[in-house]
Amino acid sequence: MTDYLTTPEGRRIAYRRTAGQGPELVFLPGFQSDMSGTKAVRLEAWAQAHGRAFLRFDYSGHGASSGDFLDGCIGDWAADAAAVIFAAPGPKVLIGSSMGGWIGMLLARERAASVAGFLGIAAAPDFTSEEAPWSAMPPEQREELARDGRVTLPNPYGDAPTVMTAKLFTDGARQTVLGKPLSLPMPVRLLHGSADADVPLAVSLAVLDHAQAPDMRLCVLKGADHRFSSPEALGLIEATLAELLTRIDG
């Protein structure tokens, strides 16, 4: 059953929380994705099969939550995530896909005492930085962003184009994890596909190099793309999560 939580900012966040053994597993979806995606649903089923507590949710402007997507930014979505995740007591294992990996790193850095572990799947921290899509934009798209406060980009995963706002870029610079110290004192696992055309493997390598983390590993799946949703990729996510929980549970 879908429940709703109203954040201090007045945004109504849709979520599904299932009971089980802790630490609670939390799936953080990606940019323009939601809690009904393949990985979120598959991991919920895995958690139920193993008697594990699980949470999936939609950021504002996504899925069943309130708000307009174009009004949001990384800071807003991180606040949405924190409101619903930490509304329930107990330690969390954050599982961040793509942009969810960025938001998960922000929460793990800021709420380390409450985060027992972190799993990044094709994590995309700082994807609005000049080293990411912005630098690759041709002059006409840069002009569009400056003129209209938004830029329209091709969407490789659907017919509707991707729209990115000036607010998203401006706020993204404030939410950087690679441009500031990144302490992750919990066990950390990163998964990345060698054929990821949207977030290069170099991003996960940069996180591996930058983070202060005593127990951090990166696994590269040959041939996997950014979606990381093939049967082999989903199996690797489950195996990695099982290993991570074994490490946490001791």
C-alpha atoms as a PDB file:
ATOM      1  CA  MET A   1       0.000   0.000   0.000  1.00  0.00           C
ATOM      2  CA  THR A   2       1.228   3.484  -0.859  1.00  0.00           C
ATOM      3  CA  ASP A   3       1.406   5.940   2.039  1.00  0.00           C
ATOM      4  CA  TYR A   4       2.118   9.665   2.004  1.00  0.00           C
ATOM      5  CA  LEU A   5       4.265  11.958   4.124  1.00  0.00           C
ATOM      6  CA  THR A   6       4.150  15.759   4.033  1.00  0.00           C
ATOM      7  CA  THR A   7       7.594  17.309   4.357  1.00  0.00           C
ATOM      8  CA  PRO A   8       8.346  20.488   6.356  1.00  0.00           C
ATOM      9  CA  GLU A   9       8.359  22.289   2.987  1.00  0.00           C
ATOM     10  CA  GLY A  10       4.803  21.110   2.286  1.00  0.00           C
ATOM     11  CA  ARG A  11       5.645  18.531  -0.383  1.00  0.00           C
ATOM     12  CA  ARG A  12       3.565  15.312  -0.310  1.00  0.00           C
ATOM     13  CA  ILE A  13       5.852  12.299  -0.752  1.00  0.00           C
ATOM     14  CA  ALA A  14       4.517   8.896  -1.813  1.00  0.00           C
ATOM     15  CA  TYR A  15       6.230   5.860  -0.310  1.00  0.00           C
ATOM     16  CA  ARG A  16       5.893   2.132   0.359  1.00  0.00           C
ATOM     17  CA  ARG A  17       7.447   0.791   3.554  1.00  0.00           C
ATOM     18  CA  THR A  18       7.452  -2.906   4.415  1.00  0.00           C
ATOM     19  CA  ALA A  19       8.373  -4.315   7.803  1.00  0.00           C
ATOM     20  CA  GLY A  20      11.217  -6.718   8.443  1.00  0.00           C
ATOM     21  CA  GLN A  21      14.606  -7.165  10.009  1.00  0.00           C
ATOM     22  CA  GLY A  22      16.873  -4.133  10.078  1.00  0.00           C
ATOM     23  CA  PRO A  23      18.821  -2.288   8.974  1.00  0.00           C
ATOM     24  CA  GLU A  24      16.113  -0.952   6.676  1.00  0.00           C
ATOM     25  CA  LEU A  25      16.985  -1.139   2.975  1.00  0.00           C
ATOM     26  CA  VAL A  26      16.144   2.082   1.122  1.00  0.00           C
ATOM     27  CA  PHE A  27      15.998   2.460  -2.664  1.00  0.00           C
ATOM     28  CA  LEU A  28      16.699   5.953  -4.033  1.00  0.00           C
ATOM     29  CA  PRO A  29      15.619   6.229  -7.688  1.00  0.00           C
ATOM     30  CA  GLY A  30      17.276   8.209 -10.432  1.00  0.00           C
ATOM     31  CA  PHE A  31      16.523  11.369 -12.390  1.00  0.00           C
ATOM     32  CA  GLN A  32      12.950  11.292 -13.757  1.00  0.00           C
ATOM     33  CA  SER A  33      12.552   7.760 -12.391  1.00  0.00           C
ATOM     34  CA  ASP A  34      10.273   6.547  -9.632  1.00  0.00           C
ATOM     35  CA  MET A  35       9.615   3.775  -7.143  1.00  0.00           C
ATOM     36  CA  SER A  36       7.834   1.580  -9.717  1.00  0.00           C
ATOM     37  CA  GLY A  37      11.040   0.938 -11.672  1.00  0.00           C
ATOM     38  CA  THR A  38      12.504  -2.502 -12.286  1.00  0.00           C
ATOM     39  CA  LYS A  39      15.278  -2.278  -9.684  1.00  0.00           C
ATOM     40  CA  ALA A  40      13.053  -0.854  -6.945  1.00  0.00           C
ATOM     41  CA  VAL A  41      10.383  -3.526  -7.338  1.00  0.00           C
ATOM     42  CA  ARG A  42      12.922  -6.336  -7.694  1.00  0.00           C
ATOM     43  CA  LEU A  43      14.789  -5.273  -4.558  1.00  0.00           C
ATOM     44  CA  GLU A  44      11.556  -4.972  -2.578  1.00  0.00           C
ATOM     45  CA  ALA A  45      10.739  -8.588  -3.516  1.00  0.00           C
ATOM     46  CA  TRP A  46      14.273  -9.640  -2.555  1.00  0.00           C
ATOM     47  CA  ALA A  47      13.951  -7.884   0.803  1.00  0.00           C
ATOM     48  CA  GLN A  48      10.600  -9.542   1.518  1.00  0.00           C
ATOM     49  CA  ALA A  49      11.998 -12.954   0.608  1.00  0.00           C
ATOM     50  CA  HIS A  50      14.842 -12.415   3.091  1.00  0.00           C
ATOM     51  CA  GLY A  51      12.713 -10.877   5.845  1.00  0.00           C
ATOM     52  CA  ARG A  52      14.335  -7.454   5.477  1.00  0.00           C
ATOM     53  CA  ALA A  53      12.703  -4.071   6.088  1.00  0.00           C
ATOM     54  CA  PHE A  54      12.454  -2.075   2.865  1.00  0.00           C
ATOM     55  CA  LEU A  55      11.487   1.419   1.725  1.00  0.00           C
ATOM     56  CA  ARG A  56      10.896   2.831  -1.755  1.00  0.00           C
ATOM     57  CA  PHE A  57       9.534   6.288  -2.509  1.00  0.00           C
ATOM     58  CA  ASP A  58       9.102   9.050  -5.089  1.00  0.00           C
ATOM     59  CA  TYR A  59      10.811  12.439  -4.903  1.00  0.00           C
ATOM     60  CA  SER A  60       8.557  15.470  -5.354  1.00  0.00           C
ATOM     61  CA  GLY A  61       7.689  15.964  -9.015  1.00  0.00           C
ATOM     62  CA  HIS A  62       8.227  12.240  -9.623  1.00  0.00           C
ATOM     63  CA  GLY A  63       5.792   9.342  -9.733  1.00  0.00           C
ATOM     64  CA  ALA A  64       2.903   9.615  -7.258  1.00  0.00           C
ATOM     65  CA  SER A  65       4.386  12.458  -5.197  1.00  0.00           C
ATOM     66  CA  SER A  66       3.149  16.032  -5.421  1.00  0.00           C
ATOM     67  CA  GLY A  67       4.803  18.879  -7.294  1.00  0.00           C
ATOM     68  CA  ASP A  68       6.105  19.753 -10.736  1.00  0.00           C
ATOM     69  CA  PHE A  69       9.335  18.066 -11.800  1.00  0.00           C
ATOM     70  CA  LEU A  70      10.651  21.316 -13.282  1.00  0.00           C
ATOM     71  CA  ASP A  71      10.377  23.052  -9.898  1.00  0.00           C
ATOM     72  CA  GLY A  72      12.730  20.579  -8.209  1.00  0.00           C
ATOM     73  CA  CYS A  73      16.482  20.241  -7.782  1.00  0.00           C
ATOM     74  CA  ILE A  74      18.995  17.994  -6.034  1.00  0.00           C
ATOM     75  CA  GLY A  75      18.680  19.810  -2.695  1.00  0.00           C
ATOM     76  CA  ASP A  76      14.880  19.528  -2.756  1.00  0.00           C
ATOM     77  CA  TRP A  77      14.959  15.845  -3.616  1.00  0.00           C
ATOM     78  CA  ALA A  78      17.595  15.136  -0.960  1.00  0.00           C
ATOM     79  CA  ALA A  79      15.347  16.867   1.592  1.00  0.00           C
ATOM     80  CA  ASP A  80      12.392  14.761   0.411  1.00  0.00           C
ATOM     81  CA  ALA A  81      14.481  11.626   0.793  1.00  0.00           C
ATOM     82  CA  ALA A  82      15.691  12.550   4.272  1.00  0.00           C
ATOM     83  CA  ALA A  83      12.154  13.346   5.446  1.00  0.00           C
ATOM     84  CA  VAL A  84      10.721   9.964   4.522  1.00  0.00           C
ATOM     85  CA  ILE A  85      13.805   7.825   5.220  1.00  0.00           C
ATOM     86  CA  PHE A  86      14.503   9.126   8.700  1.00  0.00           C
ATOM     87  CA  ALA A  87      10.838   9.374   9.719  1.00  0.00           C
ATOM     88  CA  ALA A  88      11.289   5.795  10.955  1.00  0.00           C
ATOM     89  CA  PRO A  89      13.962   5.013  13.552  1.00  0.00           C
ATOM     90  CA  GLY A  90      16.868   2.665  13.106  1.00  0.00           C
ATOM     91  CA  PRO A  91      19.875   2.307  10.812  1.00  0.00           C
ATOM     92  CA  LYS A  92      19.531   2.387   7.017  1.00  0.00           C
ATOM     93  CA  VAL A  93      21.280   0.846   4.043  1.00  0.00           C
ATOM     94  CA  LEU A  94      20.989   3.335   1.185  1.00  0.00           C
ATOM     95  CA  ILE A  95      20.768   1.911  -2.354  1.00  0.00           C
ATOM     96  CA  GLY A  96      21.150   4.761  -4.827  1.00  0.00           C
ATOM     97  CA  SER A  97      20.618   4.361  -8.571  1.00  0.00           C
ATOM     98  CA  SER A  98      22.127   7.018 -10.870  1.00  0.00           C
ATOM     99  CA  MET A  99      21.016  10.386  -9.401  1.00  0.00           C
ATOM    100  CA  GLY A 100      19.886   8.401  -6.357  1.00  0.00           C
ATOM    101  CA  GLY A 101      23.549   7.564  -5.847  1.00  0.00           C
ATOM    102  CA  TRP A 102      24.317  11.297  -5.626  1.00  0.00           C
ATOM    103  CA  ILE A 103      21.497  11.895  -3.170  1.00  0.00           C
ATOM    104  CA  GLY A 104      22.476   8.814  -1.185  1.00  0.00           C
ATOM    105  CA  MET A 105      26.046  10.085  -0.858  1.00  0.00           C
ATOM    106  CA  LEU A 106      24.765  13.433   0.412  1.00  0.00           C
ATOM    107  CA  LEU A 107      22.660  11.694   3.065  1.00  0.00           C
ATOM    108  CA  ALA A 108      25.429   9.257   3.992  1.00  0.00           C
ATOM    109  CA  ARG A 109      27.831  12.168   4.455  1.00  0.00           C
ATOM    110  CA  GLU A 110      25.380  14.225   6.508  1.00  0.00           C
ATOM    111  CA  ARG A 111      23.703  11.424   8.483  1.00  0.00           C
ATOM    112  CA  ALA A 112      26.546   8.935   8.806  1.00  0.00           C
ATOM    113  CA  ALA A 113      25.484   7.821  12.293  1.00  0.00           C
ATOM    114  CA  SER A 114      22.177   6.573  10.851  1.00  0.00           C
ATOM    115  CA  VAL A 115      23.569   4.944   7.684  1.00  0.00           C
ATOM    116  CA  ALA A 116      24.862   1.410   8.130  1.00  0.00           C
ATOM    117  CA  GLY A 117      25.869   0.889   4.522  1.00  0.00           C
ATOM    118  CA  PHE A 118      25.733   2.335   1.011  1.00  0.00           C
ATOM    119  CA  LEU A 119      25.298   0.689  -2.386  1.00  0.00           C
ATOM    120  CA  GLY A 120      25.660   2.848  -5.491  1.00  0.00           C
ATOM    121  CA  ILE A 121      24.354   1.526  -8.829  1.00  0.00           C
ATOM    122  CA  ALA A 122      25.738   3.501 -11.786  1.00  0.00           C
ATOM    123  CA  ALA A 123      25.937   6.394  -9.334  1.00  0.00           C
ATOM    124  CA  ALA A 124      25.879   9.849 -10.918  1.00  0.00           C
ATOM    125  CA  PRO A 125      27.189  12.353  -8.371  1.00  0.00           C
ATOM    126  CA  ASP A 126      27.600  15.926  -9.593  1.00  0.00           C
ATOM    127  CA  PHE A 127      26.071  15.137 -13.001  1.00  0.00           C
ATOM    128  CA  THR A 128      25.130  18.806 -13.429  1.00  0.00           C
ATOM    129  CA  SER A 129      28.726  19.970 -13.065  1.00  0.00           C
ATOM    130  CA  GLU A 130      30.783  21.410 -15.913  1.00  0.00           C
ATOM    131  CA  GLU A 131      32.581  18.075 -16.136  1.00  0.00           C
ATOM    132  CA  ALA A 132      29.269  16.359 -16.945  1.00  0.00           C
ATOM    133  CA  PRO A 133      26.449  17.161 -19.419  1.00  0.00           C
ATOM    134  CA  TRP A 134      26.898  20.947 -19.290  1.00  0.00           C
ATOM    135  CA  SER A 135      30.388  20.830 -20.773  1.00  0.00           C
ATOM    136  CA  ALA A 136      29.115  18.640 -23.618  1.00  0.00           C
ATOM    137  CA  MET A 137      26.286  21.001 -24.571  1.00  0.00           C
ATOM    138  CA  PRO A 138      26.716  22.733 -27.920  1.00  0.00           C
ATOM    139  CA  PRO A 139      26.541  26.548 -27.931  1.00  0.00           C
ATOM    140  CA  GLU A 140      22.876  26.631 -28.999  1.00  0.00           C
ATOM    141  CA  GLN A 141      21.849  24.588 -25.938  1.00  0.00           C
ATOM    142  CA  ARG A 142      23.886  26.812 -23.636  1.00  0.00           C
ATOM    143  CA  GLU A 143      22.135  29.801 -25.167  1.00  0.00           C
ATOM    144  CA  GLU A 144      18.756  28.130 -24.653  1.00  0.00           C
ATOM    145  CA  LEU A 145      19.517  27.567 -20.960  1.00  0.00           C
ATOM    146  CA  ALA A 146      20.654  31.172 -20.480  1.00  0.00           C
ATOM    147  CA  ARG A 147      17.680  32.570 -22.391  1.00  0.00           C
ATOM    148  CA  ASP A 148      14.839  30.340 -21.163  1.00  0.00           C
ATOM    149  CA  GLY A 149      16.094  29.090 -17.802  1.00  0.00           C
ATOM    150  CA  ARG A 150      15.869  25.539 -19.100  1.00  0.00           C
ATOM    151  CA  VAL A 151      17.346  23.341 -21.799  1.00  0.00           C
ATOM    152  CA  THR A 152      15.752  20.457 -23.688  1.00  0.00           C
ATOM    153  CA  LEU A 153      17.940  17.394 -24.259  1.00  0.00           C
ATOM    154  CA  PRO A 154      17.341  14.065 -26.035  1.00  0.00           C
ATOM    155  CA  ASN A 155      16.071  11.272 -23.801  1.00  0.00           C
ATOM    156  CA  PRO A 156      17.623   7.903 -24.687  1.00  0.00           C
ATOM    157  CA  TYR A 157      15.029   6.066 -22.566  1.00  0.00           C
ATOM    158  CA  GLY A 158      11.744   7.454 -23.878  1.00  0.00           C
ATOM    159  CA  ASP A 159       9.927   9.626 -26.378  1.00  0.00           C
ATOM    160  CA  ALA A 160       9.587  12.656 -24.083  1.00  0.00           C
ATOM    161  CA  PRO A 161      12.726  14.839 -24.048  1.00  0.00           C
ATOM    162  CA  THR A 162      14.658  15.570 -20.871  1.00  0.00           C
ATOM    163  CA  VAL A 163      14.307  19.122 -19.585  1.00  0.00           C
ATOM    164  CA  MET A 164      16.970  20.500 -17.240  1.00  0.00           C
ATOM    165  CA  THR A 165      16.508  23.853 -15.545  1.00  0.00           C
ATOM    166  CA  ALA A 166      18.927  26.592 -14.545  1.00  0.00           C
ATOM    167  CA  LYS A 167      17.832  25.945 -10.959  1.00  0.00           C
ATOM    168  CA  LEU A 168      19.002  22.343 -11.276  1.00  0.00           C
ATOM    169  CA  PHE A 169      22.466  23.440 -12.416  1.00  0.00           C
ATOM    170  CA  THR A 170      22.783  26.219  -9.819  1.00  0.00           C
ATOM    171  CA  ASP A 171      21.682  24.026  -6.940  1.00  0.00           C
ATOM    172  CA  GLY A 172      23.768  21.106  -8.163  1.00  0.00           C
ATOM    173  CA  ALA A 173      26.921  23.173  -7.689  1.00  0.00           C
ATOM    174  CA  ARG A 174      25.955  23.630  -4.016  1.00  0.00           C
ATOM    175  CA  GLN A 175      25.291  19.914  -3.547  1.00  0.00           C
ATOM    176  CA  THR A 176      28.608  18.630  -4.884  1.00  0.00           C
ATOM    177  CA  VAL A 177      30.134  15.525  -3.331  1.00  0.00           C
ATOM    178  CA  LEU A 178      33.285  15.389  -5.447  1.00  0.00           C
ATOM    179  CA  GLY A 179      34.063  19.062  -4.842  1.00  0.00           C
ATOM    180  CA  LYS A 180      33.955  18.752  -1.054  1.00  0.00           C
ATOM    181  CA  PRO A 181      35.331  16.235   1.471  1.00  0.00           C
ATOM    182  CA  LEU A 182      33.352  12.998   1.325  1.00  0.00           C
ATOM    183  CA  SER A 183      33.579  10.895   4.461  1.00  0.00           C
ATOM    184  CA  LEU A 184      31.769   7.553   4.193  1.00  0.00           C
ATOM    185  CA  PRO A 185      32.648   5.630   7.364  1.00  0.00           C
ATOM    186  CA  MET A 186      30.189   2.837   6.581  1.00  0.00           C
ATOM    187  CA  PRO A 187      30.777  -0.129   4.204  1.00  0.00           C
ATOM    188  CA  VAL A 188      30.374   1.130   0.624  1.00  0.00           C
ATOM    189  CA  ARG A 189      29.859  -0.857  -2.574  1.00  0.00           C
ATOM    190  CA  LEU A 190      29.732   0.665  -6.072  1.00  0.00           C
ATOM    191  CA  LEU A 191      28.471  -1.125  -9.193  1.00  0.00           C
ATOM    192  CA  HIS A 192      29.035   0.230 -12.698  1.00  0.00           C
ATOM    193  CA  GLY A 193      28.631  -1.056 -16.231  1.00  0.00           C
ATOM    194  CA  SER A 194      31.530  -0.933 -18.665  1.00  0.00           C
ATOM    195  CA  ALA A 195      29.095   0.073 -21.441  1.00  0.00           C
ATOM    196  CA  ASP A 196      27.426   2.904 -19.518  1.00  0.00           C
ATOM    197  CA  ALA A 197      27.111   5.693 -22.109  1.00  0.00           C
ATOM    198  CA  ASP A 198      25.374   8.152 -19.758  1.00  0.00           C
ATOM    199  CA  VAL A 199      27.591   8.092 -16.666  1.00  0.00           C
ATOM    200  CA  PRO A 200      31.150   7.046 -17.512  1.00  0.00           C
ATOM    201  CA  LEU A 201      32.954   4.500 -15.380  1.00  0.00           C
ATOM    202  CA  ALA A 202      35.383   7.337 -14.617  1.00  0.00           C
ATOM    203  CA  VAL A 203      32.745   8.794 -12.278  1.00  0.00           C
ATOM    204  CA  SER A 204      32.770   5.763  -9.978  1.00  0.00           C
ATOM    205  CA  LEU A 205      36.564   5.681 -10.158  1.00  0.00           C
ATOM    206  CA  ALA A 206      36.600   9.342  -9.083  1.00  0.00           C
ATOM    207  CA  VAL A 207      34.333   8.541  -6.117  1.00  0.00           C
ATOM    208  CA  LEU A 208      36.587   5.611  -5.194  1.00  0.00           C
ATOM    209  CA  ASP A 209      39.613   7.892  -5.259  1.00  0.00           C
ATOM    210  CA  HIS A 210      37.961  10.875  -3.535  1.00  0.00           C
ATOM    211  CA  ALA A 211      35.975   9.338  -0.684  1.00  0.00           C
ATOM    212  CA  GLN A 212      37.407   8.737   2.757  1.00  0.00           C
ATOM    213  CA  ALA A 213      36.041   5.240   3.262  1.00  0.00           C
ATOM    214  CA  PRO A 214      37.712   2.371   5.143  1.00  0.00           C
ATOM    215  CA  ASP A 215      35.639  -0.345   3.420  1.00  0.00           C
ATOM    216  CA  MET A 216      34.870   0.587  -0.179  1.00  0.00           C
ATOM    217  CA  ARG A 217      34.797  -1.584  -3.304  1.00  0.00           C
ATOM    218  CA  LEU A 218      33.931  -0.999  -6.950  1.00  0.00           C
ATOM    219  CA  CYS A 219      32.677  -3.825  -9.187  1.00  0.00           C
ATOM    220  CA  VAL A 220      32.496  -3.333 -12.957  1.00  0.00           C
ATOM    221  CA  LEU A 221      30.092  -5.474 -14.981  1.00  0.00           C
ATOM    222  CA  LYS A 222      31.351  -5.911 -18.530  1.00  0.00           C
ATOM    223  CA  GLY A 223      28.784  -4.925 -21.128  1.00  0.00           C
ATOM    224  CA  ALA A 224      26.226  -3.451 -18.717  1.00  0.00           C
ATOM    225  CA  ASP A 225      24.644  -0.126 -19.661  1.00  0.00           C
ATOM    226  CA  HIS A 226      23.374   2.695 -17.441  1.00  0.00           C
ATOM    227  CA  ARG A 227      20.052   1.054 -16.710  1.00  0.00           C
ATOM    228  CA  PHE A 228      21.864  -1.859 -15.015  1.00  0.00           C
ATOM    229  CA  SER A 229      18.633  -3.885 -15.243  1.00  0.00           C
ATOM    230  CA  SER A 230      19.558  -6.975 -17.245  1.00  0.00           C
ATOM    231  CA  PRO A 231      19.081 -10.322 -15.454  1.00  0.00           C
ATOM    232  CA  GLU A 232      22.843 -10.513 -14.880  1.00  0.00           C
ATOM    233  CA  ALA A 233      22.962  -6.957 -13.520  1.00  0.00           C
ATOM    234  CA  LEU A 234      19.989  -7.494 -11.218  1.00  0.00           C
ATOM    235  CA  GLY A 235      21.572 -10.690  -9.928  1.00  0.00           C
ATOM    236  CA  LEU A 236      24.810  -8.822  -9.228  1.00  0.00           C
ATOM    237  CA  ILE A 237      22.902  -6.131  -7.299  1.00  0.00           C
ATOM    238  CA  GLU A 238      21.283  -8.790  -5.123  1.00  0.00           C
ATOM    239  CA  ALA A 239      24.567 -10.636  -4.532  1.00  0.00           C
ATOM    240  CA  THR A 240      26.341  -7.392  -3.665  1.00  0.00           C
ATOM    241  CA  LEU A 241      23.574  -6.385  -1.285  1.00  0.00           C
ATOM    242  CA  ALA A 242      23.733  -9.790   0.410  1.00  0.00           C
ATOM    243  CA  GLU A 243      27.508  -9.432   0.851  1.00  0.00           C
ATOM    244  CA  LEU A 244      27.106  -5.910   2.162  1.00  0.00           C
ATOM    245  CA  LEU A 245      24.530  -7.018   4.739  1.00  0.00           C
ATOM    246  CA  THR A 246      26.782  -9.862   5.829  1.00  0.00           C
ATOM    247  CA  ARG A 247      29.521  -7.300   6.398  1.00  0.00           C
ATOM    248  CA  ILE A 248      27.138  -5.043   8.349  1.00  0.00           C
ATOM    249  CA  ASP A 249      25.521  -7.799  10.400  1.00  0.00           C
ATOM    250  CA  GLY A 250      28.930  -9.160  11.327  1.00  0.00           C
END
